Amino acid sequence: PHQLSGGQRQRVMIAMALANEPDLLIA
């Protein structure tokens, strides 16, 4: 994580949240 920028880390978090294609995403 420390090797990524803030925007890149946020994209990783979004990828993790969408990994299972949820019905509801809380941002």
PDB file of all heavy atoms in Angstrom:
ATOM      1  N   PRO A   1       0.794  -1.236   0.000  1.00  0.00           N
ATOM      2  CA  PRO A   1       0.000   0.000   0.000  1.00  0.00           C
ATOM      3  C   PRO A   1       0.823   1.281   0.000  1.00  0.00           C
ATOM      4  O   PRO A   1       0.472   2.251  -0.684  1.00  0.00           O
ATOM      5  CB  PRO A   1      -0.838  -0.133   1.279  1.00  0.00           C
ATOM      6  CG  PRO A   1      -1.021  -1.608   1.437  1.00  0.00           C
ATOM      7  CD  PRO A   1       0.278  -2.204   0.984  1.00  0.00           C
ATOM      8  N   HIS A   2       1.936   1.311   0.749  1.00  0.00           N
ATOM      9  CA  HIS A   2       2.711   2.546   0.827  1.00  0.00           C
ATOM     10  C   HIS A   2       3.398   2.890  -0.493  1.00  0.00           C
ATOM     11  O   HIS A   2       3.865   4.022  -0.676  1.00  0.00           O
ATOM     12  CB  HIS A   2       3.771   2.444   1.937  1.00  0.00           C
ATOM     13  CG  HIS A   2       4.922   1.546   1.611  1.00  0.00           C
ATOM     14  ND1 HIS A   2       4.883   0.185   1.838  1.00  0.00           N
ATOM     15  CD2 HIS A   2       6.133   1.806   1.046  1.00  0.00           C
ATOM     16  CE1 HIS A   2       6.029  -0.348   1.444  1.00  0.00           C
ATOM     17  NE2 HIS A   2       6.798   0.610   0.962  1.00  0.00           N
ATOM     18  N   GLN A   3       3.441   1.939  -1.419  1.00  0.00           N
ATOM     19  CA  GLN A   3       4.069   2.180  -2.715  1.00  0.00           C
ATOM     20  C   GLN A   3       3.087   2.753  -3.747  1.00  0.00           C
ATOM     21  O   GLN A   3       3.480   3.021  -4.877  1.00  0.00           O
ATOM     22  CB  GLN A   3       4.682   0.878  -3.242  1.00  0.00           C
ATOM     23  CG  GLN A   3       5.817   0.353  -2.366  1.00  0.00           C
ATOM     24  CD  GLN A   3       6.319  -1.013  -2.809  1.00  0.00           C
ATOM     25  OE1 GLN A   3       5.526  -1.922  -3.081  1.00  0.00           O
ATOM     26  NE2 GLN A   3       7.633  -1.157  -2.904  1.00  0.00           N
ATOM     27  N   LEU A   4       1.849   2.923  -3.347  1.00  0.00           N
ATOM     28  CA  LEU A   4       0.820   3.455  -4.231  1.00  0.00           C
ATOM     29  C   LEU A   4       0.425   4.869  -3.798  1.00  0.00           C
ATOM     30  O   LEU A   4       0.554   5.226  -2.624  1.00  0.00           O
ATOM     31  CB  LEU A   4      -0.420   2.565  -4.221  1.00  0.00           C
ATOM     32  CG  LEU A   4      -0.227   1.092  -4.601  1.00  0.00           C
ATOM     33  CD1 LEU A   4      -1.557   0.364  -4.501  1.00  0.00           C
ATOM     34  CD2 LEU A   4       0.360   0.963  -5.998  1.00  0.00           C
ATOM     35  N   SER A   5      -0.069   5.652  -4.740  1.00  0.00           N
ATOM     36  CA  SER A   5      -0.585   6.979  -4.414  1.00  0.00           C
ATOM     37  C   SER A   5      -1.944   6.850  -3.731  1.00  0.00           C
ATOM     38  O   SER A   5      -2.558   5.773  -3.714  1.00  0.00           O
ATOM     39  CB  SER A   5      -0.718   7.809  -5.692  1.00  0.00           C
ATOM     40  OG  SER A   5      -1.758   7.284  -6.512  1.00  0.00           O
ATOM     41  N   GLY A   6      -2.450   7.976  -3.205  1.00  0.00           N
ATOM     42  CA  GLY A   6      -3.756   7.948  -2.552  1.00  0.00           C
ATOM     43  C   GLY A   6      -4.861   7.518  -3.487  1.00  0.00           C
ATOM     44  O   GLY A   6      -5.732   6.716  -3.121  1.00  0.00           O
ATOM     45  N   GLY A   7      -4.842   8.026  -4.719  1.00  0.00           N
ATOM     46  CA  GLY A   7      -5.859   7.632  -5.690  1.00  0.00           C
ATOM     47  C   GLY A   7      -5.761   6.170  -6.074  1.00  0.00           C
ATOM     48  O   GLY A   7      -6.782   5.486  -6.253  1.00  0.00           O
ATOM     49  N   GLN A   8      -4.545   5.651  -6.184  1.00  0.00           N
ATOM     50  CA  GLN A   8      -4.363   4.239  -6.515  1.00  0.00           C
ATOM     51  C   GLN A   8      -4.849   3.349  -5.370  1.00  0.00           C
ATOM     52  O   GLN A   8      -5.484   2.315  -5.604  1.00  0.00           O
ATOM     53  CB  GLN A   8      -2.897   3.971  -6.822  1.00  0.00           C
ATOM     54  CG  GLN A   8      -2.420   4.563  -8.132  1.00  0.00           C
ATOM     55  CD  GLN A   8      -0.915   4.478  -8.305  1.00  0.00           C
ATOM     56  OE1 GLN A   8      -0.153   4.430  -7.327  1.00  0.00           O
ATOM     57  NE2 GLN A   8      -0.463   4.461  -9.551  1.00  0.00           N
ATOM     58  N   ARG A   9      -4.546   3.740  -4.133  1.00  0.00           N
ATOM     59  CA  ARG A   9      -5.029   2.954  -2.983  1.00  0.00           C
ATOM     60  C   ARG A   9      -6.555   2.946  -2.943  1.00  0.00           C
ATOM     61  O   ARG A   9      -7.170   1.912  -2.634  1.00  0.00           O
ATOM     62  CB  ARG A   9      -4.455   3.522  -1.680  1.00  0.00           C
ATOM     63  CG  ARG A   9      -2.983   3.257  -1.480  1.00  0.00           C
ATOM     64  CD  ARG A   9      -2.553   3.543  -0.059  1.00  0.00           C
ATOM     65  NE  ARG A   9      -2.643   4.962   0.269  1.00  0.00           N
ATOM     66  CZ  ARG A   9      -1.634   5.822   0.156  1.00  0.00           C
ATOM     67  NH1 ARG A   9      -0.461   5.419  -0.315  1.00  0.00           N
ATOM     68  NH2 ARG A   9      -1.791   7.091   0.499  1.00  0.00           N
ATOM     69  N   GLN A  10      -7.173   4.085  -3.258  1.00  0.00           N
ATOM     70  CA  GLN A  10      -8.634   4.123  -3.245  1.00  0.00           C
ATOM     71  C   GLN A  10      -9.204   3.214  -4.331  1.00  0.00           C
ATOM     72  O   GLN A  10     -10.230   2.553  -4.118  1.00  0.00           O
ATOM     73  CB  GLN A  10      -9.111   5.561  -3.438  1.00  0.00           C
ATOM     74  CG  GLN A  10     -10.587   5.775  -3.129  1.00  0.00           C
ATOM     75  CD  GLN A  10     -10.937   5.472  -1.686  1.00  0.00           C
ATOM     76  OE1 GLN A  10     -11.018   4.304  -1.285  1.00  0.00           O
ATOM     77  NE2 GLN A  10     -11.143   6.503  -0.892  1.00  0.00           N
ATOM     78  N   ARG A  11      -8.549   3.127  -5.461  1.00  0.00           N
ATOM     79  CA  ARG A  11      -9.004   2.218  -6.516  1.00  0.00           C
ATOM     80  C   ARG A  11      -8.880   0.761  -6.079  1.00  0.00           C
ATOM     81  O   ARG A  11      -9.729  -0.081  -6.419  1.00  0.00           O
ATOM     82  CB  ARG A  11      -8.215   2.472  -7.803  1.00  0.00           C
ATOM     83  CG  ARG A  11      -8.548   3.798  -8.467  1.00  0.00           C
ATOM     84  CD  ARG A  11      -7.662   4.074  -9.670  1.00  0.00           C
ATOM     85  NE  ARG A  11      -7.831   5.438 -10.153  1.00  0.00           N
ATOM     86  CZ  ARG A  11      -8.761   5.830 -11.030  1.00  0.00           C
ATOM     87  NH1 ARG A  11      -9.591   4.930 -11.530  1.00  0.00           N
ATOM     88  NH2 ARG A  11      -8.851   7.075 -11.408  1.00  0.00           N
ATOM     89  N   VAL A  12      -7.834   0.447  -5.328  1.00  0.00           N
ATOM     90  CA  VAL A  12      -7.688  -0.910  -4.788  1.00  0.00           C
ATOM     91  C   VAL A  12      -8.828  -1.210  -3.828  1.00  0.00           C
ATOM     92  O   VAL A  12      -9.411  -2.308  -3.846  1.00  0.00           O
ATOM     93  CB  VAL A  12      -6.322  -1.079  -4.084  1.00  0.00           C
ATOM     94  CG1 VAL A  12      -6.264  -2.418  -3.345  1.00  0.00           C
ATOM     95  CG2 VAL A  12      -5.188  -0.999  -5.100  1.00  0.00           C
ATOM     96  N   MET A  13      -9.178  -0.235  -2.970  1.00  0.00           N
ATOM     97  CA  MET A  13     -10.289  -0.428  -2.043  1.00  0.00           C
ATOM     98  C   MET A  13     -11.597  -0.663  -2.796  1.00  0.00           C
ATOM     99  O   MET A  13     -12.416  -1.497  -2.391  1.00  0.00           O
ATOM    100  CB  MET A  13     -10.426   0.794  -1.136  1.00  0.00           C
ATOM    101  CG  MET A  13      -9.323   0.942  -0.094  1.00  0.00           C
ATOM    102  SD  MET A  13      -9.358  -0.392   1.134  1.00  0.00           S
ATOM    103  CE  MET A  13     -10.948  -0.116   1.886  1.00  0.00           C
ATOM    104  N   ILE A  14     -11.804   0.065  -3.875  1.00  0.00           N
ATOM    105  CA  ILE A  14     -13.013  -0.127  -4.684  1.00  0.00           C
ATOM    106  C   ILE A  14     -13.014  -1.517  -5.311  1.00  0.00           C
ATOM    107  O   ILE A  14     -14.045  -2.202  -5.343  1.00  0.00           O
ATOM    108  CB  ILE A  14     -13.110   0.973  -5.766  1.00  0.00           C
ATOM    109  CG1 ILE A  14     -13.311   2.338  -5.109  1.00  0.00           C
ATOM    110  CG2 ILE A  14     -14.257   0.680  -6.734  1.00  0.00           C
ATOM    111  CD1 ILE A  14     -13.226   3.509  -6.080  1.00  0.00           C
ATOM    112  N   ALA A  15     -11.850  -1.959  -5.794  1.00  0.00           N
ATOM    113  CA  ALA A  15     -11.750  -3.305  -6.368  1.00  0.00           C
ATOM    114  C   ALA A  15     -12.113  -4.366  -5.337  1.00  0.00           C
ATOM    115  O   ALA A  15     -12.830  -5.330  -5.641  1.00  0.00           O
ATOM    116  CB  ALA A  15     -10.334  -3.544  -6.899  1.00  0.00           C
ATOM    117  N   MET A  16     -11.630  -4.209  -4.111  1.00  0.00           N
ATOM    118  CA  MET A  16     -11.944  -5.165  -3.049  1.00  0.00           C
ATOM    119  C   MET A  16     -13.437  -5.162  -2.749  1.00  0.00           C
ATOM    120  O   MET A  16     -14.053  -6.216  -2.561  1.00  0.00           O
ATOM    121  CB  MET A  16     -11.135  -4.828  -1.793  1.00  0.00           C
ATOM    122  CG  MET A  16      -9.637  -5.017  -1.957  1.00  0.00           C
ATOM    123  SD  MET A  16      -8.685  -4.458  -0.522  1.00  0.00           S
ATOM    124  CE  MET A  16      -9.182  -5.674   0.713  1.00  0.00           C
ATOM    125  N   ALA A  17     -14.034  -3.965  -2.708  1.00  0.00           N
ATOM    126  CA  ALA A  17     -15.458  -3.861  -2.382  1.00  0.00           C
ATOM    127  C   ALA A  17     -16.336  -4.461  -3.472  1.00  0.00           C
ATOM    128  O   ALA A  17     -17.425  -4.978  -3.192  1.00  0.00           O
ATOM    129  CB  ALA A  17     -15.835  -2.401  -2.159  1.00  0.00           C
ATOM    130  N   LEU A  18     -15.866  -4.405  -4.727  1.00  0.00           N
ATOM    131  CA  LEU A  18     -16.669  -4.891  -5.849  1.00  0.00           C
ATOM    132  C   LEU A  18     -16.327  -6.315  -6.266  1.00  0.00           C
ATOM    133  O   LEU A  18     -16.882  -6.821  -7.238  1.00  0.00           O
ATOM    134  CB  LEU A  18     -16.491  -3.963  -7.049  1.00  0.00           C
ATOM    135  CG  LEU A  18     -16.932  -2.509  -6.854  1.00  0.00           C
ATOM    136  CD1 LEU A  18     -16.748  -1.736  -8.140  1.00  0.00           C
ATOM    137  CD2 LEU A  18     -18.371  -2.435  -6.384  1.00  0.00           C
ATOM    138  N   ALA A  19     -15.425  -6.949  -5.549  1.00  0.00           N
ATOM    139  CA  ALA A  19     -14.950  -8.279  -5.937  1.00  0.00           C
ATOM    140  C   ALA A  19     -16.090  -9.275  -6.108  1.00  0.00           C
ATOM    141  O   ALA A  19     -16.046 -10.147  -6.980  1.00  0.00           O
ATOM    142  CB  ALA A  19     -13.944  -8.800  -4.910  1.00  0.00           C
ATOM    143  N   ASN A  20     -17.125  -9.162  -5.295  1.00  0.00           N
ATOM    144  CA  ASN A  20     -18.240 -10.104  -5.349  1.00  0.00           C
ATOM    145  C   ASN A  20     -19.494  -9.495  -5.959  1.00  0.00           C
ATOM    146  O   ASN A  20     -20.575 -10.061  -5.828  1.00  0.00           O
ATOM    147  CB  ASN A  20     -18.545 -10.630  -3.943  1.00  0.00           C
ATOM    148  CG  ASN A  20     -17.391 -11.414  -3.370  1.00  0.00           C
ATOM    149  OD1 ASN A  20     -16.915 -12.368  -3.981  1.00  0.00           O
ATOM    150  ND2 ASN A  20     -16.906 -11.002  -2.205  1.00  0.00           N
ATOM    151  N   GLU A  21     -19.344  -8.343  -6.611  1.00  0.00           N
ATOM    152  CA  GLU A  21     -20.467  -7.656  -7.244  1.00  0.00           C
ATOM    153  C   GLU A  21     -21.659  -7.574  -6.285  1.00  0.00           C
ATOM    154  O   GLU A  21     -22.719  -8.161  -6.520  1.00  0.00           O
ATOM    155  CB  GLU A  21     -20.850  -8.344  -8.555  1.00  0.00           C
ATOM    156  CG  GLU A  21     -19.713  -8.354  -9.566  1.00  0.00           C
ATOM    157  CD  GLU A  21     -20.120  -8.894 -10.925  1.00  0.00           C
ATOM    158  OE1 GLU A  21     -21.287  -9.326 -11.065  1.00  0.00           O
ATOM    159  OE2 GLU A  21     -19.278  -8.903 -11.837  1.00  0.00           O
ATOM    160  N   PRO A  22     -21.511  -6.803  -5.210  1.00  0.00           N
ATOM    161  CA  PRO A  22     -22.545  -6.750  -4.166  1.00  0.00           C
ATOM    162  C   PRO A  22     -23.822  -6.061  -4.643  1.00  0.00           C
ATOM    163  O   PRO A  22     -23.826  -5.325  -5.637  1.00  0.00           O
ATOM    164  CB  PRO A  22     -21.864  -5.922  -3.064  1.00  0.00           C
ATOM    165  CG  PRO A  22     -20.912  -5.035  -3.807  1.00  0.00           C
ATOM    166  CD  PRO A  22     -20.389  -5.894  -4.932  1.00  0.00           C
ATOM    167  N   ASP A  23     -24.893  -6.298  -3.903  1.00  0.00           N
ATOM    168  CA  ASP A  23     -26.157  -5.603  -4.167  1.00  0.00           C
ATOM    169  C   ASP A  23     -26.086  -4.156  -3.696  1.00  0.00           C
ATOM    170  O   ASP A  23     -26.734  -3.278  -4.271  1.00  0.00           O
ATOM    171  CB  ASP A  23     -27.316  -6.304  -3.443  1.00  0.00           C
ATOM    172  CG  ASP A  23     -27.561  -7.697  -3.972  1.00  0.00           C
ATOM    173  OD1 ASP A  23     -27.288  -7.938  -5.164  1.00  0.00           O
ATOM    174  OD2 ASP A  23     -28.015  -8.560  -3.191  1.00  0.00           O
ATOM    175  N   LEU A  24     -25.339  -3.921  -2.602  1.00  0.00           N
ATOM    176  CA  LEU A  24     -25.239  -2.590  -2.010  1.00  0.00           C
ATOM    177  C   LEU A  24     -23.787  -2.263  -1.732  1.00  0.00           C
ATOM    178  O   LEU A  24     -23.075  -3.050  -1.100  1.00  0.00           O
ATOM    179  CB  LEU A  24     -26.042  -2.510  -0.704  1.00  0.00           C
ATOM    180  CG  LEU A  24     -25.880  -1.219   0.113  1.00  0.00           C
ATOM    181  CD1 LEU A  24     -26.457  -0.019  -0.652  1.00  0.00           C
ATOM    182  CD2 LEU A  24     -26.553  -1.354   1.485  1.00  0.00           C
ATOM    183  N   LEU A  25     -23.353  -1.089  -2.180  1.00  0.00           N
ATOM    184  CA  LEU A  25     -22.021  -0.585  -1.883  1.00  0.00           C
ATOM    185  C   LEU A  25     -22.158   0.641  -0.997  1.00  0.00           C
ATOM    186  O   LEU A  25     -22.857   1.596  -1.344  1.00  0.00           O
ATOM    187  CB  LEU A  25     -21.278  -0.217  -3.166  1.00  0.00           C
ATOM    188  CG  LEU A  25     -19.905   0.447  -2.976  1.00  0.00           C
ATOM    189  CD1 LEU A  25     -18.921  -0.524  -2.336  1.00  0.00           C
ATOM    190  CD2 LEU A  25     -19.364   0.957  -4.301  1.00  0.00           C
ATOM    191  N   ILE A  26     -21.496   0.619   0.159  1.00  0.00           N
ATOM    192  CA  ILE A  26     -21.449   1.779   1.047  1.00  0.00           C
ATOM    193  C   ILE A  26     -20.111   2.469   0.832  1.00  0.00           C
ATOM    194  O   ILE A  26     -19.063   1.848   0.991  1.00  0.00           O
ATOM    195  CB  ILE A  26     -21.612   1.359   2.519  1.00  0.00           C
ATOM    196  CG1 ILE A  26     -22.970   0.674   2.728  1.00  0.00           C
ATOM    197  CG2 ILE A  26     -21.474   2.559   3.441  1.00  0.00           C
ATOM    198  CD1 ILE A  26     -23.141   0.068   4.121  1.00  0.00           C
ATOM    199  N   ALA A  27     -20.153   3.737   0.447  1.00  0.00           N
ATOM    200  CA  ALA A  27     -18.931   4.503   0.200  1.00  0.00           C
ATOM    201  C   ALA A  27     -18.844   5.616   1.239  1.00  0.00           C
ATOM    202  O   ALA A  27     -19.607   6.582   1.191  1.00  0.00           O
ATOM    203  CB  ALA A  27     -18.942   5.081  -1.205  1.00  0.00           C
TER     204      ALA A  27
END
